[in-house]
Each structure stands twice: as structure tokens, then as C-alpha cells.
């Protein structure tokens, strides 16, 4: 039974680093939207809308995204 408990500890410690790596990957994929003109980072003021000039996929229609700042009115991709 002592051997089984050692095996269980070895398994649990080997799984923990992989979970931490997955969590770090998820955190790094989120991007904070920042206005290039005024530096606004307030999510409530930055609007996301479809850029009809850039079609990513034809059927179903999927467009690229553009952003508009609510403070200064700047639009960017």
C-alpha cells in the first residue's frame, strides 16, 4: 500500500504543471483593446463591429472586426 500511495503522489504532481501551462496559454490569448489615438481601455466605450470591406469567409458570411472608440471616435482593426 505504501507503494500505491507513492505512485498516486507521482501522478498528481505530474498533472499539475500541465494544468498551469494550459491556464497560462488561456490568459495570454485574451487581448485588451486599447485605442491607438487616446489610449482608452474602457470596455464599455470601445465598440466592436463588422468590417464589411474584409470578408473572411463567403458562406456563411463572416467579416473581419473593427473597433470604434467612444471617447475620440477613432476606428481601427
N, C-alpha and C. Protein backbone atom coordinates (compact mmCIF):
# COMPACT_ATOMS: atom_id res chain seq x y z
N UNK A 1 0.82 -1.21 0.00
CA UNK A 1 0.00 0.00 0.00
C UNK A 1 0.86 1.26 0.00
N UNK A 2 2.03 1.20 0.59
CA UNK A 2 2.91 2.37 0.59
C UNK A 2 3.37 2.67 -0.83
N UNK A 3 3.57 1.63 -1.62
CA UNK A 3 4.00 1.82 -2.99
C UNK A 3 2.89 2.49 -3.82
N UNK A 4 1.62 2.10 -3.56
CA UNK A 4 0.49 2.71 -4.26
C UNK A 4 0.38 4.20 -3.94
N UNK A 5 0.58 4.56 -2.68
CA UNK A 5 0.46 5.97 -2.31
C UNK A 5 1.57 6.79 -2.96
N UNK A 6 2.75 6.21 -3.12
CA UNK A 6 3.84 6.92 -3.78
C UNK A 6 3.52 7.12 -5.26
N UNK A 7 2.90 6.10 -5.89
CA UNK A 7 2.53 6.22 -7.30
C UNK A 7 1.47 7.30 -7.49
N UNK A 8 0.51 7.38 -6.59
CA UNK A 8 -0.55 8.38 -6.70
C UNK A 8 0.04 9.78 -6.56
N UNK A 9 1.00 9.96 -5.65
CA UNK A 9 1.64 11.27 -5.49
C UNK A 9 2.41 11.65 -6.75
N UNK A 10 3.08 10.69 -7.35
CA UNK A 10 3.84 10.96 -8.56
C UNK A 10 2.91 11.36 -9.70
N UNK A 11 1.75 10.72 -9.79
CA UNK A 11 0.80 11.04 -10.85
C UNK A 11 0.22 12.43 -10.64
N UNK A 12 -0.18 12.75 -9.42
CA UNK A 12 -0.81 14.04 -9.17
C UNK A 12 0.16 15.19 -9.38
N UNK A 13 1.43 15.01 -9.06
CA UNK A 13 2.39 16.09 -9.26
C UNK A 13 2.72 16.26 -10.73
N UNK A 14 2.67 15.19 -11.51
CA UNK A 14 2.99 15.32 -12.93
C UNK A 14 1.84 15.98 -13.70
N UNK A 15 0.62 15.90 -13.20
CA UNK A 15 -0.52 16.52 -13.88
C UNK A 15 -0.63 18.02 -13.58
N UNK A 16 -0.19 18.44 -12.42
CA UNK A 16 -0.34 19.84 -12.01
C UNK A 16 0.38 20.82 -12.93
N UNK A 17 1.62 20.60 -13.34
CA UNK A 17 2.27 21.57 -14.21
C UNK A 17 1.56 21.73 -15.56
N UNK A 18 0.98 20.66 -16.09
CA UNK A 18 0.29 20.77 -17.37
C UNK A 18 -0.95 21.65 -17.23
N UNK A 19 -1.64 21.57 -16.10
CA UNK A 19 -2.80 22.42 -15.87
C UNK A 19 -2.37 23.88 -15.78
N UNK A 20 -1.26 24.14 -15.12
CA UNK A 20 -0.77 25.51 -15.00
C UNK A 20 -0.39 26.07 -16.37
N UNK A 21 0.23 25.23 -17.22
CA UNK A 21 0.59 25.68 -18.57
C UNK A 21 -0.64 26.00 -19.39
N UNK A 22 -1.69 25.19 -19.28
CA UNK A 22 -2.92 25.45 -20.02
C UNK A 22 -3.56 26.76 -19.57
N UNK A 23 -3.54 27.03 -18.27
CA UNK A 23 -4.12 28.25 -17.76
C UNK A 23 -3.34 29.46 -18.27
N UNK A 24 -2.01 29.37 -18.34
CA UNK A 24 -1.21 30.47 -18.83
C UNK A 24 -1.49 30.72 -20.30
N UNK A 25 -1.69 29.66 -21.08
CA UNK A 25 -1.99 29.82 -22.50
C UNK A 25 -3.32 30.55 -22.68
N UNK A 26 -4.33 30.20 -21.88
CA UNK A 26 -5.63 30.85 -21.99
C UNK A 26 -5.54 32.33 -21.64
N UNK A 27 -4.75 32.65 -20.63
CA UNK A 27 -4.61 34.05 -20.21
C UNK A 27 -3.90 34.88 -21.27
N UNK A 28 -2.92 34.28 -21.96
CA UNK A 28 -2.15 35.04 -22.93
C UNK A 28 -2.93 35.30 -24.21
N UNK A 29 -4.02 34.55 -24.47
CA UNK A 29 -4.77 34.74 -25.71
C UNK A 29 -5.76 35.89 -25.61
N UNK A 30 -6.12 36.31 -24.42
CA UNK A 30 -7.04 37.43 -24.30
C UNK A 30 -6.28 38.73 -24.53
N UNK A 31 -6.83 39.57 -25.41
CA UNK A 31 -6.19 40.84 -25.73
C UNK A 31 -7.02 41.98 -25.19
N UNK A 32 -6.36 42.94 -24.63
CA UNK A 32 -7.03 44.12 -24.14
C UNK A 32 -7.11 45.13 -25.27
N UNK A 33 -8.30 45.64 -25.52
CA UNK A 33 -8.50 46.60 -26.61
C UNK A 33 -8.10 47.99 -26.13
N UNK A 34 -7.17 48.60 -26.84
CA UNK A 34 -6.67 49.93 -26.48
C UNK A 34 -6.80 50.83 -27.70
N UNK A 35 -7.36 51.99 -27.50
CA UNK A 35 -7.50 52.96 -28.58
C UNK A 35 -6.10 53.48 -28.96
N UNK A 36 -5.74 53.41 -30.25
CA UNK A 36 -4.41 53.87 -30.65
C UNK A 36 -4.24 55.39 -30.58
N UNK A 37 -5.36 56.12 -30.55
CA UNK A 37 -5.29 57.58 -30.54
C UNK A 37 -5.21 58.14 -29.12
N UNK A 38 -6.18 57.76 -28.27
CA UNK A 38 -6.25 58.36 -26.93
C UNK A 38 -5.84 57.41 -25.81
N UNK A 39 -5.68 56.12 -26.10
CA UNK A 39 -5.26 55.16 -25.07
C UNK A 39 -6.39 54.67 -24.19
N UNK A 40 -7.62 54.88 -24.59
CA UNK A 40 -8.78 54.44 -23.82
C UNK A 40 -8.81 52.91 -23.73
N UNK A 41 -9.00 52.35 -22.53
CA UNK A 41 -9.09 50.89 -22.35
C UNK A 41 -10.43 50.47 -21.76
N UNK A 42 -11.37 51.39 -21.62
CA UNK A 42 -12.67 51.09 -21.04
C UNK A 42 -13.48 50.24 -22.02
N UNK A 43 -13.80 49.00 -21.61
CA UNK A 43 -14.51 48.07 -22.50
C UNK A 43 -15.91 48.57 -22.86
N UNK A 44 -16.52 49.35 -21.99
CA UNK A 44 -17.87 49.85 -22.25
C UNK A 44 -17.87 50.92 -23.34
N UNK A 45 -16.74 51.57 -23.57
CA UNK A 45 -16.68 52.64 -24.56
C UNK A 45 -16.10 52.20 -25.90
N UNK A 46 -15.48 51.02 -25.97
CA UNK A 46 -14.91 50.54 -27.22
C UNK A 46 -15.91 49.60 -27.86
N UNK A 47 -16.40 49.97 -29.03
CA UNK A 47 -17.41 49.19 -29.75
C UNK A 47 -16.76 48.31 -30.80
N UNK A 48 -17.23 47.08 -30.90
CA UNK A 48 -16.75 46.14 -31.91
C UNK A 48 -17.84 45.96 -32.95
N UNK A 49 -17.49 46.06 -34.23
CA UNK A 49 -18.48 45.88 -35.29
C UNK A 49 -17.81 45.22 -36.49
N UNK A 50 -18.62 44.72 -37.42
CA UNK A 50 -18.11 44.01 -38.60
C UNK A 50 -17.53 45.00 -39.60
N UNK A 51 -16.38 44.63 -40.17
CA UNK A 51 -15.75 45.40 -41.24
C UNK A 51 -16.20 44.77 -42.56
N UNK A 52 -17.20 45.36 -43.19
CA UNK A 52 -17.80 44.80 -44.41
C UNK A 52 -16.84 44.81 -45.60
N UNK A 53 -15.74 45.55 -45.53
CA UNK A 53 -14.77 45.57 -46.62
C UNK A 53 -13.86 44.35 -46.63
N UNK A 54 -13.73 43.66 -45.49
CA UNK A 54 -12.87 42.48 -45.39
C UNK A 54 -13.72 41.26 -45.11
N UNK A 55 -13.93 40.42 -46.11
CA UNK A 55 -14.70 39.19 -45.95
C UNK A 55 -13.72 38.06 -45.64
N UNK A 56 -13.94 37.41 -44.50
CA UNK A 56 -13.08 36.30 -44.11
C UNK A 56 -13.57 35.00 -44.75
N UNK A 57 -14.87 34.80 -44.77
CA UNK A 57 -15.46 33.57 -45.31
C UNK A 57 -16.74 33.94 -46.03
N UNK A 58 -16.99 33.32 -47.20
CA UNK A 58 -18.13 33.73 -48.01
C UNK A 58 -19.45 33.12 -47.55
N UNK A 59 -19.47 31.83 -47.20
CA UNK A 59 -20.73 31.24 -46.75
C UNK A 59 -20.49 30.40 -45.52
N UNK A 60 -21.05 30.69 -44.41
CA UNK A 60 -21.81 31.89 -44.08
C UNK A 60 -20.90 33.11 -44.05
N UNK A 61 -21.48 34.26 -44.32
CA UNK A 61 -20.68 35.49 -44.36
C UNK A 61 -20.06 35.78 -43.00
N UNK A 62 -18.74 35.80 -42.98
CA UNK A 62 -18.01 36.16 -41.77
C UNK A 62 -17.08 37.31 -42.14
N UNK A 63 -17.23 38.41 -41.43
CA UNK A 63 -16.44 39.59 -41.70
C UNK A 63 -15.37 39.78 -40.63
N UNK A 64 -14.34 40.55 -40.98
CA UNK A 64 -13.33 40.93 -40.02
C UNK A 64 -13.95 41.91 -39.02
N UNK A 65 -13.30 42.12 -37.90
CA UNK A 65 -13.81 43.02 -36.87
C UNK A 65 -13.08 44.36 -36.92
N UNK A 66 -13.82 45.40 -36.64
CA UNK A 66 -13.26 46.74 -36.46
C UNK A 66 -13.71 47.25 -35.10
N UNK A 67 -12.98 48.22 -34.60
CA UNK A 67 -13.31 48.79 -33.29
C UNK A 67 -13.43 50.30 -33.42
N UNK A 68 -14.32 50.88 -32.61
CA UNK A 68 -14.52 52.33 -32.58
C UNK A 68 -14.46 52.80 -31.13
N UNK A 69 -13.66 53.81 -30.88
CA UNK A 69 -13.52 54.39 -29.55
C UNK A 69 -14.70 55.32 -29.27
N UNK A 70 -15.27 55.21 -28.09
CA UNK A 70 -16.39 56.07 -27.71
C UNK A 70 -15.96 57.45 -27.26
N UNK A 71 -14.69 57.62 -26.90
CA UNK A 71 -14.22 58.93 -26.44
C UNK A 71 -13.81 59.83 -27.61
N UNK A 72 -12.98 59.30 -28.52
CA UNK A 72 -12.45 60.17 -29.59
C UNK A 72 -13.00 59.81 -30.97
N UNK A 73 -13.69 58.67 -31.12
CA UNK A 73 -14.30 58.31 -32.39
C UNK A 73 -13.37 57.65 -33.39
N UNK A 74 -12.14 57.31 -32.98
CA UNK A 74 -11.18 56.67 -33.87
C UNK A 74 -11.61 55.25 -34.19
N UNK A 75 -11.46 54.84 -35.46
CA UNK A 75 -11.75 53.46 -35.87
C UNK A 75 -10.45 52.77 -36.22
N UNK A 76 -10.32 51.49 -35.81
CA UNK A 76 -9.13 50.71 -36.12
C UNK A 76 -9.50 49.24 -36.19
N UNK A 77 -8.56 48.45 -36.72
CA UNK A 77 -8.74 47.00 -36.84
C UNK A 77 -8.01 46.28 -35.74
